[in-house]
Amino acid sequence: MILAALSDYPGISLIETPNGYKIRDDSNNMEMTLSLDNYERIISENKRHQLSRILKSNRLQILDCTGGFARDAAILASLGNHITLVEQNPLVMALLINAKKNIKSNNLKLIFNRITTQLGNCIDFIRRTSKKFDYIYFDFMFNSNKSSLPSKKEQFLRKIVKNDISKNLDILRETLQRVSSRIIIKEHISSNDYKNFDIINTYKGKTVKYHLLKGKNGR
């Protein structure tokens, strides 16, 4: 599947090294590796994170619909919750699974043991799953043009993951109709893509904000 996916991204290579996988963008002479041990600092500040203000308890079942490189999933899991991470892109998933195998920190290993990964389309997963989630999380941030200096990870995501705001809005509308879960949407602080939804509350940070919504399926 990974080799087949590479044909969809000319100039992109997935390379296995002694330290794990790396992605290379030959057209820009740029490489990226993923070390989840680098999330230690982020995890250490989890109690001050906006997400900790939203979640009112732990041991929650949370569906991360836009898994990416699991940064936010790691924060959510570090707060004592169980995460199902869905990621559609096989290159991103390959890098993430490989990085998970190479975690050195025992603390990070325990956290990532609470994260289950699922390759696939998030709305397809929501349509077929019978599992009930307390929260469903969406982060479409990397598609934003409002970040003047995107990180290397964001640059790679924008190159290899196709994203469209109209499709994102359609996914959100259908999700709201299908679930009774609370829904968290991450958005750039200066963006207002979700202003027409019934937002319960918004939690603002310096560069991003998190909207809280409620699914309309009362079952």
N, C-alpha and C. Protein backbone atom coordinates (compact mmCIF):
# COMPACT_ATOMS: atom_id res chain seq x y z
N MET A 1 0.83 -1.21 0.00
CA MET A 1 0.00 0.00 0.00
C MET A 1 0.86 1.26 0.00
N ILE A 2 1.95 1.21 0.79
CA ILE A 2 2.82 2.38 0.86
C ILE A 2 3.50 2.62 -0.48
N LEU A 3 4.02 1.55 -1.08
CA LEU A 3 4.68 1.71 -2.37
C LEU A 3 3.71 2.21 -3.43
N ALA A 4 2.47 1.72 -3.37
CA ALA A 4 1.47 2.19 -4.33
C ALA A 4 1.18 3.66 -4.11
N ALA A 5 1.16 4.08 -2.85
CA ALA A 5 0.85 5.47 -2.54
C ALA A 5 1.95 6.40 -3.03
N LEU A 6 3.20 5.93 -3.05
CA LEU A 6 4.30 6.78 -3.48
C LEU A 6 4.12 7.24 -4.92
N SER A 7 3.49 6.42 -5.75
CA SER A 7 3.27 6.80 -7.15
C SER A 7 2.33 7.99 -7.27
N ASP A 8 1.56 8.26 -6.22
CA ASP A 8 0.64 9.41 -6.24
C ASP A 8 1.34 10.72 -5.89
N TYR A 9 2.59 10.64 -5.45
CA TYR A 9 3.32 11.82 -5.01
C TYR A 9 4.69 11.87 -5.68
N PRO A 10 4.75 12.33 -6.92
CA PRO A 10 6.03 12.40 -7.63
C PRO A 10 7.04 13.24 -6.85
N GLY A 11 8.25 12.73 -6.76
CA GLY A 11 9.30 13.47 -6.07
C GLY A 11 9.36 13.20 -4.59
N ILE A 12 8.42 12.41 -4.05
CA ILE A 12 8.40 12.08 -2.62
C ILE A 12 8.90 10.65 -2.43
N SER A 13 9.85 10.48 -1.51
CA SER A 13 10.40 9.16 -1.22
C SER A 13 10.23 8.84 0.26
N LEU A 14 9.92 7.59 0.55
CA LEU A 14 9.91 7.08 1.91
C LEU A 14 11.12 6.19 2.07
N ILE A 15 12.04 6.59 2.95
CA ILE A 15 13.33 5.93 3.06
C ILE A 15 13.46 5.31 4.45
N GLU A 16 13.91 4.06 4.49
CA GLU A 16 14.16 3.40 5.78
C GLU A 16 15.61 3.59 6.17
N THR A 17 15.85 4.08 7.38
CA THR A 17 17.19 4.30 7.90
C THR A 17 17.35 3.49 9.19
N PRO A 18 18.56 3.37 9.72
CA PRO A 18 18.74 2.65 10.99
C PRO A 18 17.96 3.26 12.15
N ASN A 19 17.62 4.54 12.03
CA ASN A 19 16.87 5.22 13.09
C ASN A 19 15.37 5.33 12.79
N GLY A 20 14.93 4.70 11.71
CA GLY A 20 13.51 4.76 11.37
C GLY A 20 13.28 5.36 9.99
N TYR A 21 12.02 5.56 9.64
CA TYR A 21 11.67 6.10 8.33
C TYR A 21 11.92 7.61 8.27
N LYS A 22 12.16 8.07 7.05
CA LYS A 22 12.14 9.50 6.79
C LYS A 22 11.49 9.73 5.43
N ILE A 23 10.88 10.88 5.28
CA ILE A 23 10.28 11.28 4.01
C ILE A 23 11.19 12.30 3.36
N ARG A 24 11.44 12.12 2.08
CA ARG A 24 12.28 13.06 1.34
C ARG A 24 11.48 13.69 0.21
N ASP A 25 11.58 15.01 0.11
CA ASP A 25 10.99 15.77 -0.99
C ASP A 25 12.13 16.13 -1.92
N ASP A 26 12.30 15.36 -3.00
CA ASP A 26 13.43 15.57 -3.90
C ASP A 26 13.36 16.91 -4.61
N SER A 27 12.17 17.39 -4.90
CA SER A 27 12.04 18.65 -5.64
C SER A 27 12.53 19.84 -4.83
N ASN A 28 12.40 19.77 -3.49
CA ASN A 28 12.84 20.87 -2.63
C ASN A 28 14.07 20.52 -1.81
N ASN A 29 14.65 19.32 -2.07
CA ASN A 29 15.83 18.86 -1.33
C ASN A 29 15.60 18.99 0.18
N MET A 30 14.46 18.47 0.63
CA MET A 30 14.07 18.59 2.04
C MET A 30 13.71 17.21 2.57
N GLU A 31 14.13 16.94 3.80
CA GLU A 31 13.83 15.66 4.44
C GLU A 31 13.14 15.89 5.77
N MET A 32 12.36 14.90 6.18
CA MET A 32 11.68 14.99 7.47
C MET A 32 11.65 13.63 8.14
N THR A 33 12.01 13.62 9.40
CA THR A 33 11.87 12.42 10.22
C THR A 33 10.90 12.74 11.36
N LEU A 34 10.43 11.72 12.01
CA LEU A 34 9.50 11.91 13.12
C LEU A 34 10.01 11.18 14.34
N SER A 35 10.28 11.92 15.40
CA SER A 35 10.65 11.33 16.69
C SER A 35 9.61 11.74 17.72
N LEU A 36 8.86 10.78 18.19
CA LEU A 36 7.81 11.08 19.16
C LEU A 36 8.38 11.43 20.53
N ASP A 37 9.64 11.09 20.77
CA ASP A 37 10.28 11.50 22.02
C ASP A 37 10.38 13.02 22.13
N ASN A 38 10.33 13.70 20.99
CA ASN A 38 10.37 15.17 20.99
C ASN A 38 9.10 15.78 21.58
N TYR A 39 8.07 14.93 21.80
CA TYR A 39 6.82 15.43 22.37
C TYR A 39 6.88 15.55 23.89
N GLU A 40 8.00 15.19 24.48
CA GLU A 40 8.13 15.24 25.95
C GLU A 40 7.81 16.63 26.49
N ARG A 41 8.36 17.66 25.85
CA ARG A 41 8.12 19.03 26.34
C ARG A 41 6.65 19.40 26.24
N ILE A 42 6.03 19.03 25.14
CA ILE A 42 4.61 19.33 24.93
C ILE A 42 3.78 18.66 26.02
N ILE A 43 4.10 17.39 26.29
CA ILE A 43 3.36 16.63 27.29
C ILE A 43 3.54 17.23 28.68
N SER A 44 4.72 17.73 28.95
CA SER A 44 4.99 18.28 30.28
C SER A 44 4.15 19.51 30.59
N GLU A 45 3.62 20.15 29.54
CA GLU A 45 2.81 21.35 29.71
C GLU A 45 1.33 21.08 29.47
N ASN A 46 0.94 19.78 29.50
CA ASN A 46 -0.43 19.42 29.12
C ASN A 46 -1.51 20.04 30.00
N LYS A 47 -1.22 20.23 31.28
CA LYS A 47 -2.23 20.79 32.19
C LYS A 47 -2.56 22.24 31.87
N ARG A 48 -1.64 22.92 31.16
CA ARG A 48 -1.87 24.32 30.78
C ARG A 48 -2.41 24.45 29.37
N HIS A 49 -2.56 23.32 28.70
CA HIS A 49 -3.04 23.34 27.31
C HIS A 49 -4.54 23.63 27.27
N GLN A 50 -4.98 24.28 26.20
CA GLN A 50 -6.40 24.59 26.05
C GLN A 50 -7.27 23.34 26.08
N LEU A 51 -6.76 22.23 25.56
CA LEU A 51 -7.54 20.99 25.54
C LEU A 51 -7.87 20.50 26.94
N SER A 52 -6.98 20.77 27.89
CA SER A 52 -7.25 20.34 29.27
C SER A 52 -8.38 21.14 29.89
N ARG A 53 -8.65 22.34 29.37
CA ARG A 53 -9.77 23.15 29.86
C ARG A 53 -11.09 22.63 29.32
N ILE A 54 -11.04 21.99 28.15
CA ILE A 54 -12.27 21.52 27.51
C ILE A 54 -12.74 20.20 28.13
N LEU A 55 -11.80 19.29 28.35
CA LEU A 55 -12.14 17.96 28.86
C LEU A 55 -12.39 18.05 30.37
N LYS A 56 -13.55 17.64 30.79
CA LYS A 56 -13.94 17.79 32.20
C LYS A 56 -13.58 16.58 33.06
N SER A 57 -13.09 15.52 32.43
CA SER A 57 -12.69 14.33 33.18
C SER A 57 -11.67 13.57 32.36
N ASN A 58 -11.19 12.43 32.89
CA ASN A 58 -10.27 11.60 32.12
C ASN A 58 -10.93 10.25 31.85
N ARG A 59 -10.14 9.33 31.33
CA ARG A 59 -10.64 8.02 30.91
C ARG A 59 -11.74 8.15 29.86
N LEU A 60 -11.66 9.18 29.08
CA LEU A 60 -12.62 9.42 28.02
C LEU A 60 -12.22 8.64 26.76
N GLN A 61 -13.21 8.32 25.95
CA GLN A 61 -12.97 7.73 24.64
C GLN A 61 -13.04 8.87 23.62
N ILE A 62 -11.91 9.12 22.93
CA ILE A 62 -11.82 10.25 22.01
C ILE A 62 -11.42 9.76 20.63
N LEU A 63 -12.12 10.23 19.63
CA LEU A 63 -11.81 9.92 18.23
C LEU A 63 -11.11 11.12 17.62
N ASP A 64 -9.86 10.93 17.22
CA ASP A 64 -9.09 11.97 16.54
C ASP A 64 -9.22 11.71 15.04
N CYS A 65 -10.02 12.52 14.37
CA CYS A 65 -10.35 12.28 12.96
C CYS A 65 -9.27 12.77 12.00
N THR A 66 -8.34 13.56 12.46
CA THR A 66 -7.31 14.13 11.59
C THR A 66 -5.96 13.87 12.24
N GLY A 67 -5.59 12.60 12.35
CA GLY A 67 -4.48 12.18 13.18
C GLY A 67 -3.14 12.83 12.90
N GLY A 68 -2.75 12.92 11.61
CA GLY A 68 -1.47 13.51 11.28
C GLY A 68 -0.34 12.82 12.03
N PHE A 69 0.54 13.61 12.64
CA PHE A 69 1.68 13.08 13.37
C PHE A 69 1.42 12.96 14.86
N ALA A 70 0.14 12.95 15.25
CA ALA A 70 -0.31 12.56 16.60
C ALA A 70 0.13 13.52 17.71
N ARG A 71 0.44 14.74 17.37
CA ARG A 71 0.83 15.70 18.42
C ARG A 71 -0.32 15.94 19.38
N ASP A 72 -1.49 16.29 18.83
CA ASP A 72 -2.63 16.57 19.70
C ASP A 72 -3.17 15.30 20.34
N ALA A 73 -3.09 14.18 19.61
CA ALA A 73 -3.51 12.89 20.19
C ALA A 73 -2.67 12.57 21.41
N ALA A 74 -1.37 12.89 21.35
CA ALA A 74 -0.49 12.64 22.48
C ALA A 74 -0.88 13.49 23.68
N ILE A 75 -1.27 14.73 23.44
CA ILE A 75 -1.72 15.60 24.54
C ILE A 75 -2.99 15.04 25.15
N LEU A 76 -3.94 14.66 24.31
CA LEU A 76 -5.20 14.11 24.79
C LEU A 76 -4.98 12.82 25.59
N ALA A 77 -4.09 11.97 25.09
CA ALA A 77 -3.81 10.71 25.78
C ALA A 77 -3.06 10.95 27.09
N SER A 78 -2.18 11.97 27.10
CA SER A 78 -1.41 12.26 28.32
C SER A 78 -2.30 12.75 29.45
N LEU A 79 -3.51 13.21 29.11
CA LEU A 79 -4.47 13.65 30.12
C LEU A 79 -5.29 12.48 30.66
N GLY A 80 -4.90 11.25 30.30
CA GLY A 80 -5.53 10.06 30.86
C GLY A 80 -6.65 9.48 30.04
N ASN A 81 -6.69 9.81 28.73
CA ASN A 81 -7.78 9.36 27.88
C ASN A 81 -7.31 8.31 26.87
N HIS A 82 -8.29 7.63 26.27
CA HIS A 82 -8.01 6.63 25.25
C HIS A 82 -8.39 7.20 23.89
N ILE A 83 -7.44 7.15 22.96
CA ILE A 83 -7.61 7.82 21.67
C ILE A 83 -7.66 6.80 20.54
N THR A 84 -8.62 6.96 19.65
CA THR A 84 -8.61 6.26 18.36
C THR A 84 -8.23 7.29 17.31
N LEU A 85 -7.08 7.11 16.71
CA LEU A 85 -6.54 8.07 15.75
C LEU A 85 -6.77 7.55 14.34
N VAL A 86 -7.46 8.33 13.52
CA VAL A 86 -7.71 7.97 12.13
C VAL A 86 -6.88 8.89 11.23
N GLU A 87 -6.12 8.28 10.34
CA GLU A 87 -5.31 9.04 9.38
C GLU A 87 -5.47 8.40 8.00
N GLN A 88 -5.79 9.20 7.01
CA GLN A 88 -6.08 8.68 5.69
C GLN A 88 -4.84 8.44 4.85
N ASN A 89 -3.79 9.23 5.08
CA ASN A 89 -2.62 9.15 4.21
C ASN A 89 -1.67 8.03 4.65
N PRO A 90 -1.39 7.06 3.78
CA PRO A 90 -0.56 5.93 4.17
C PRO A 90 0.89 6.31 4.46
N LEU A 91 1.40 7.38 3.83
CA LEU A 91 2.77 7.81 4.11
C LEU A 91 2.88 8.38 5.53
N VAL A 92 1.91 9.20 5.89
CA VAL A 92 1.88 9.76 7.24
C VAL A 92 1.73 8.64 8.26
N MET A 93 0.84 7.69 7.97
CA MET A 93 0.62 6.58 8.90
C MET A 93 1.87 5.71 9.04
N ALA A 94 2.57 5.46 7.94
CA ALA A 94 3.79 4.66 7.99
C ALA A 94 4.84 5.33 8.87
N LEU A 95 4.98 6.64 8.71
CA LEU A 95 5.96 7.39 9.51
C LEU A 95 5.57 7.35 10.99
N LEU A 96 4.27 7.50 11.27
CA LEU A 96 3.79 7.52 12.64
C LEU A 96 3.97 6.16 13.32
N ILE A 97 3.58 5.10 12.66
CA ILE A 97 3.69 3.76 13.26
C ILE A 97 5.15 3.41 13.50
N ASN A 98 6.02 3.76 12.54
CA ASN A 98 7.44 3.49 12.70
C ASN A 98 8.02 4.29 13.86
N ALA A 99 7.61 5.55 14.00
CA ALA A 99 8.10 6.39 15.10
C ALA A 99 7.61 5.85 16.44
N LYS A 100 6.38 5.33 16.47
CA LYS A 100 5.84 4.76 17.70
C LYS A 100 6.66 3.57 18.16
N LYS A 101 7.14 2.75 17.22
CA LYS A 101 7.96 1.59 17.55
C LYS A 101 9.31 2.01 18.13
N ASN A 102 9.76 3.20 17.77
CA ASN A 102 11.10 3.64 18.15
C ASN A 102 11.11 4.60 19.34
N ILE A 103 10.00 4.73 20.05
CA ILE A 103 9.96 5.59 21.24
C ILE A 103 10.92 5.05 22.30
N LYS A 104 11.73 5.94 22.85
CA LYS A 104 12.68 5.55 23.90
C LYS A 104 12.16 5.86 25.30
N SER A 105 11.41 6.94 25.43
CA SER A 105 10.90 7.37 26.73
C SER A 105 9.81 6.42 27.22
N ASN A 106 9.98 5.89 28.44
CA ASN A 106 8.97 5.01 29.01
C ASN A 106 7.65 5.75 29.22
N ASN A 107 7.75 7.02 29.58
CA ASN A 107 6.55 7.84 29.77
C ASN A 107 5.77 7.97 28.46
N LEU A 108 6.49 8.26 27.37
CA LEU A 108 5.83 8.37 26.07
C LEU A 108 5.27 7.04 25.61
N LYS A 109 5.96 5.95 25.91
CA LYS A 109 5.44 4.62 25.54
C LYS A 109 4.09 4.37 26.19
N LEU A 110 3.98 4.70 27.47
CA LEU A 110 2.71 4.51 28.18
C LEU A 110 1.61 5.35 27.57
N ILE A 111 1.96 6.59 27.20
CA ILE A 111 0.97 7.48 26.59
C ILE A 111 0.51 6.94 25.24
N PHE A 112 1.46 6.53 24.41
CA PHE A 112 1.09 6.05 23.08
C PHE A 112 0.44 4.67 23.11
N ASN A 113 0.57 3.94 24.21
CA ASN A 113 -0.19 2.70 24.36
C ASN A 113 -1.68 2.97 24.48
N ARG A 114 -2.04 4.21 24.80
CA ARG A 114 -3.46 4.59 24.87
C ARG A 114 -3.97 5.16 23.55
N ILE A 115 -3.14 5.10 22.51
CA ILE A 115 -3.53 5.60 21.19
C ILE A 115 -3.58 4.43 20.21
N THR A 116 -4.76 4.17 19.67
CA THR A 116 -4.95 3.15 18.66
C THR A 116 -5.02 3.83 17.29
N THR A 117 -4.23 3.35 16.34
CA THR A 117 -4.21 3.98 15.01
C THR A 117 -5.08 3.21 14.03
N GLN A 118 -5.68 3.96 13.13
CA GLN A 118 -6.58 3.38 12.12
C GLN A 118 -6.34 4.10 10.80
N LEU A 119 -5.89 3.35 9.78
CA LEU A 119 -5.69 3.94 8.46
C LEU A 119 -7.02 3.98 7.73
N GLY A 120 -7.41 5.16 7.26
CA GLY A 120 -8.65 5.26 6.52
C GLY A 120 -9.24 6.65 6.55
N ASN A 121 -10.40 6.78 5.94
CA ASN A 121 -11.12 8.03 5.86
C ASN A 121 -11.99 8.20 7.10
N CYS A 122 -11.92 9.37 7.74
CA CYS A 122 -12.59 9.54 9.03
C CYS A 122 -14.10 9.44 8.93
N ILE A 123 -14.70 9.99 7.88
CA ILE A 123 -16.16 9.95 7.80
C ILE A 123 -16.64 8.53 7.50
N ASP A 124 -15.85 7.76 6.73
CA ASP A 124 -16.18 6.35 6.52
C ASP A 124 -16.13 5.59 7.83
N PHE A 125 -15.13 5.91 8.66
CA PHE A 125 -15.00 5.26 9.97
C PHE A 125 -16.21 5.59 10.84
N ILE A 126 -16.62 6.85 10.85
CA ILE A 126 -17.77 7.26 11.65
C ILE A 126 -19.04 6.58 11.17
N ARG A 127 -19.19 6.42 9.88
CA ARG A 127 -20.38 5.78 9.32
C ARG A 127 -20.52 4.32 9.74
N ARG A 128 -19.39 3.63 9.87
CA ARG A 128 -19.48 2.19 10.10
C ARG A 128 -19.24 1.76 11.56
N THR A 129 -18.65 2.64 12.37
CA THR A 129 -18.32 2.21 13.72
C THR A 129 -19.57 2.16 14.61
N SER A 130 -19.56 1.21 15.52
CA SER A 130 -20.63 1.14 16.52
C SER A 130 -20.15 1.66 17.87
N LYS A 131 -18.88 2.04 17.93
CA LYS A 131 -18.29 2.51 19.17
C LYS A 131 -18.78 3.92 19.49
N LYS A 132 -19.03 4.18 20.76
CA LYS A 132 -19.47 5.48 21.21
C LYS A 132 -18.27 6.27 21.75
N PHE A 133 -18.12 7.50 21.28
CA PHE A 133 -17.02 8.35 21.71
C PHE A 133 -17.56 9.52 22.52
N ASP A 134 -16.82 9.89 23.55
CA ASP A 134 -17.20 11.06 24.34
C ASP A 134 -16.92 12.36 23.58
N TYR A 135 -15.78 12.37 22.88
CA TYR A 135 -15.39 13.54 22.09
C TYR A 135 -14.87 13.09 20.73
N ILE A 136 -15.10 13.93 19.74
CA ILE A 136 -14.53 13.74 18.40
C ILE A 136 -13.75 15.00 18.07
N TYR A 137 -12.51 14.81 17.62
CA TYR A 137 -11.58 15.92 17.44
C TYR A 137 -11.21 16.10 15.96
N PHE A 138 -11.26 17.34 15.50
CA PHE A 138 -10.87 17.68 14.13
C PHE A 138 -9.82 18.79 14.16
N ASP A 139 -8.76 18.60 13.39
CA ASP A 139 -7.75 19.64 13.21
C ASP A 139 -7.43 19.74 11.73
N PHE A 140 -8.06 20.72 11.07
CA PHE A 140 -7.79 20.97 9.66
C PHE A 140 -6.78 22.10 9.48
N MET A 141 -6.02 22.41 10.53
CA MET A 141 -5.17 23.59 10.59
C MET A 141 -4.13 23.66 9.48
N PHE A 142 -3.55 22.53 9.10
CA PHE A 142 -2.42 22.58 8.19
C PHE A 142 -2.83 23.10 6.81
N ASN A 143 -4.13 23.16 6.53
CA ASN A 143 -4.60 23.68 5.25
C ASN A 143 -4.69 25.20 5.26
N SER A 144 -4.45 25.81 6.41
CA SER A 144 -4.59 27.25 6.54
C SER A 144 -3.41 27.98 5.91
N ASN A 145 -3.69 29.12 5.28
CA ASN A 145 -2.64 29.97 4.73
C ASN A 145 -2.24 31.05 5.71
N LYS A 146 -2.79 31.02 6.91
CA LYS A 146 -2.58 32.11 7.86
C LYS A 146 -1.30 31.93 8.67
N SER A 147 -0.67 30.80 8.55
CA SER A 147 0.60 30.58 9.23
C SER A 147 1.72 31.07 8.32
N SER A 148 2.37 32.15 8.69
CA SER A 148 3.36 32.78 7.82
C SER A 148 4.60 31.92 7.64
N LEU A 149 4.92 31.11 8.62
CA LEU A 149 6.10 30.26 8.54
C LEU A 149 5.75 28.86 9.03
N PRO A 150 5.12 28.05 8.15
CA PRO A 150 4.73 26.70 8.58
C PRO A 150 5.94 25.86 8.91
N SER A 151 5.78 24.96 9.88
CA SER A 151 6.87 24.06 10.25
C SER A 151 7.13 23.08 9.12
N LYS A 152 8.28 22.38 9.23
CA LYS A 152 8.62 21.40 8.21
C LYS A 152 7.56 20.32 8.11
N LYS A 153 7.03 19.88 9.26
CA LYS A 153 5.98 18.87 9.26
C LYS A 153 4.75 19.37 8.52
N GLU A 154 4.38 20.64 8.76
CA GLU A 154 3.21 21.22 8.10
C GLU A 154 3.45 21.32 6.60
N GLN A 155 4.67 21.67 6.20
CA GLN A 155 4.98 21.76 4.77
C GLN A 155 4.80 20.41 4.09
N PHE A 156 5.27 19.34 4.74
CA PHE A 156 5.12 18.00 4.18
C PHE A 156 3.65 17.60 4.13
N LEU A 157 2.91 17.91 5.18
CA LEU A 157 1.49 17.57 5.19
C LEU A 157 0.75 18.26 4.05
N ARG A 158 1.05 19.53 3.85
CA ARG A 158 0.37 20.27 2.77
C ARG A 158 0.72 19.71 1.40
N LYS A 159 1.91 19.12 1.28
CA LYS A 159 2.34 18.59 0.00
C LYS A 159 1.73 17.23 -0.31
N ILE A 160 1.61 16.38 0.71
CA ILE A 160 1.20 15.00 0.44
C ILE A 160 -0.24 14.70 0.84
N VAL A 161 -0.89 15.61 1.55
CA VAL A 161 -2.28 15.38 1.95
C VAL A 161 -3.17 16.40 1.27
N LYS A 162 -4.12 15.92 0.49
CA LYS A 162 -5.06 16.80 -0.18
C LYS A 162 -6.14 17.24 0.80
N ASN A 163 -6.41 18.52 0.82
CA ASN A 163 -7.37 19.04 1.78
C ASN A 163 -8.18 20.14 1.13
N ASP A 164 -9.45 20.22 1.50
CA ASP A 164 -10.36 21.17 0.89
C ASP A 164 -11.35 21.62 1.95
N ILE A 165 -11.46 22.93 2.17
CA ILE A 165 -12.31 23.44 3.24
C ILE A 165 -13.78 23.06 3.03
N SER A 166 -14.24 23.05 1.79
CA SER A 166 -15.65 22.69 1.55
C SER A 166 -15.92 21.25 1.92
N LYS A 167 -14.96 20.35 1.64
CA LYS A 167 -15.10 18.95 2.03
C LYS A 167 -15.04 18.81 3.55
N ASN A 168 -14.15 19.59 4.17
CA ASN A 168 -14.05 19.55 5.63
C ASN A 168 -15.37 19.95 6.27
N LEU A 169 -16.00 20.99 5.73
CA LEU A 169 -17.28 21.44 6.27
C LEU A 169 -18.36 20.38 6.08
N ASP A 170 -18.33 19.70 4.93
CA ASP A 170 -19.30 18.63 4.68
C ASP A 170 -19.10 17.48 5.68
N ILE A 171 -17.84 17.13 5.95
CA ILE A 171 -17.54 16.07 6.93
C ILE A 171 -18.08 16.47 8.29
N LEU A 172 -17.86 17.71 8.67
CA LEU A 172 -18.32 18.18 9.97
C LEU A 172 -19.84 18.16 10.07
N ARG A 173 -20.52 18.61 9.02
CA ARG A 173 -21.99 18.61 9.03
C ARG A 173 -22.54 17.19 9.19
N GLU A 174 -21.97 16.24 8.43
CA GLU A 174 -22.46 14.86 8.52
C GLU A 174 -22.16 14.27 9.89
N THR A 175 -20.97 14.56 10.42
CA THR A 175 -20.61 14.04 11.74
C THR A 175 -21.58 14.54 12.80
N LEU A 176 -21.92 15.81 12.74
CA LEU A 176 -22.86 16.38 13.71
C LEU A 176 -24.21 15.67 13.67
N GLN A 177 -24.65 15.24 12.50
CA GLN A 177 -25.93 14.56 12.37
C GLN A 177 -25.87 13.11 12.83
N ARG A 178 -24.68 12.51 12.78
CA ARG A 178 -24.55 11.08 13.06
C ARG A 178 -24.24 10.74 14.52
N VAL A 179 -23.70 11.69 15.28
CA VAL A 179 -23.21 11.35 16.62
C VAL A 179 -23.88 12.20 17.69
N SER A 180 -23.77 11.72 18.92
CA SER A 180 -24.20 12.51 20.07
C SER A 180 -23.00 13.04 20.85
N SER A 181 -21.81 12.73 20.38
CA SER A 181 -20.57 13.14 21.05
C SER A 181 -20.43 14.66 21.02
N ARG A 182 -19.59 15.15 21.93
CA ARG A 182 -19.13 16.52 21.81
C ARG A 182 -18.00 16.55 20.79
N ILE A 183 -17.93 17.64 20.05
CA ILE A 183 -16.99 17.75 18.94
C ILE A 183 -16.09 18.96 19.18
N ILE A 184 -14.79 18.74 19.03
CA ILE A 184 -13.80 19.80 19.18
C ILE A 184 -13.21 20.09 17.80
N ILE A 185 -13.18 21.38 17.43
CA ILE A 185 -12.58 21.79 16.16
C ILE A 185 -11.47 22.79 16.45
N LYS A 186 -10.29 22.49 15.96
CA LYS A 186 -9.15 23.40 16.10
C LYS A 186 -9.10 24.32 14.89
N GLU A 187 -8.88 25.60 15.15
CA GLU A 187 -8.87 26.59 14.07
C GLU A 187 -7.84 27.67 14.37
N HIS A 188 -7.26 28.24 13.32
CA HIS A 188 -6.34 29.37 13.50
C HIS A 188 -7.08 30.52 14.16
N ILE A 189 -6.39 31.24 15.01
CA ILE A 189 -7.02 32.29 15.81
C ILE A 189 -7.71 33.36 14.97
N SER A 190 -7.21 33.63 13.76
CA SER A 190 -7.78 34.68 12.93
C SER A 190 -8.74 34.16 11.87
N SER A 191 -9.01 32.87 11.90
CA SER A 191 -9.92 32.27 10.93
C SER A 191 -11.32 32.15 11.51
N ASN A 192 -12.32 32.13 10.62
CA ASN A 192 -13.72 32.00 11.06
C ASN A 192 -14.50 31.05 10.15
N ASP A 193 -13.87 29.95 9.80
CA ASP A 193 -14.49 28.99 8.88
C ASP A 193 -15.73 28.31 9.46
N TYR A 194 -15.85 28.30 10.80
CA TYR A 194 -16.92 27.53 11.43
C TYR A 194 -17.95 28.41 12.13
N LYS A 195 -17.99 29.67 11.75
CA LYS A 195 -18.85 30.64 12.43
C LYS A 195 -20.33 30.33 12.27
N ASN A 196 -20.70 29.59 11.24
CA ASN A 196 -22.12 29.30 11.00
C ASN A 196 -22.61 28.05 11.72
N PHE A 197 -21.73 27.41 12.49
CA PHE A 197 -22.14 26.24 13.27
C PHE A 197 -22.57 26.67 14.67
N ASP A 198 -23.31 25.79 15.33
CA ASP A 198 -23.79 26.07 16.69
C ASP A 198 -22.68 25.78 17.69
N ILE A 199 -21.85 26.77 17.92
CA ILE A 199 -20.69 26.61 18.80
C ILE A 199 -21.12 26.86 20.25
N ILE A 200 -20.83 25.89 21.11
CA ILE A 200 -21.17 26.02 22.53
C ILE A 200 -20.22 26.98 23.21
N ASN A 201 -18.93 26.81 22.93
CA ASN A 201 -17.92 27.65 23.56
C ASN A 201 -16.66 27.63 22.71
N THR A 202 -15.83 28.66 22.85
CA THR A 202 -14.55 28.73 22.16
C THR A 202 -13.46 29.02 23.17
N TYR A 203 -12.39 28.22 23.09
CA TYR A 203 -11.27 28.34 24.01
C TYR A 203 -10.08 28.86 23.20
N LYS A 204 -9.60 30.05 23.54
CA LYS A 204 -8.60 30.72 22.72
C LYS A 204 -7.21 30.63 23.34
N GLY A 205 -6.22 30.36 22.45
CA GLY A 205 -4.82 30.46 22.81
C GLY A 205 -4.21 31.62 22.04
N LYS A 206 -2.88 31.64 21.96
CA LYS A 206 -2.21 32.75 21.28
C LYS A 206 -2.37 32.68 19.76
N THR A 207 -2.29 31.48 19.21
CA THR A 207 -2.34 31.34 17.75
C THR A 207 -3.48 30.47 17.26
N VAL A 208 -4.10 29.70 18.15
CA VAL A 208 -5.21 28.83 17.73
C VAL A 208 -6.36 28.96 18.71
N LYS A 209 -7.51 28.49 18.27
CA LYS A 209 -8.68 28.42 19.14
C LYS A 209 -9.37 27.08 18.92
N TYR A 210 -10.10 26.64 19.94
CA TYR A 210 -10.79 25.36 19.91
C TYR A 210 -12.27 25.59 20.13
N HIS A 211 -13.08 25.18 19.16
CA HIS A 211 -14.53 25.32 19.28
C HIS A 211 -15.12 24.02 19.82
N LEU A 212 -16.09 24.14 20.67
CA LEU A 212 -16.80 22.99 21.21
C LEU A 212 -18.22 22.98 20.67
N LEU A 213 -18.62 21.85 20.07
CA LEU A 213 -19.95 21.67 19.52
C LEU A 213 -20.55 20.40 20.10
N LYS A 214 -21.84 20.20 19.85
CA LYS A 214 -22.53 19.00 20.35
C LYS A 214 -23.21 18.29 19.20
N GLY A 215 -22.96 16.98 19.06
CA GLY A 215 -23.62 16.20 18.05
C GLY A 215 -25.13 16.23 18.20
N LYS A 216 -25.85 16.14 17.08
CA LYS A 216 -27.31 16.31 17.10
C LYS A 216 -28.06 14.99 17.15
N ASN A 217 -27.35 13.86 17.09
CA ASN A 217 -28.01 12.56 17.17
C ASN A 217 -28.14 12.18 18.64
N GLY A 218 -29.34 12.24 19.16
CA GLY A 218 -29.57 12.06 20.60
C GLY A 218 -29.57 10.63 21.08
N ARG A 219 -29.34 9.67 20.19
CA ARG A 219 -29.38 8.27 20.62
C ARG A 219 -28.25 7.94 21.58
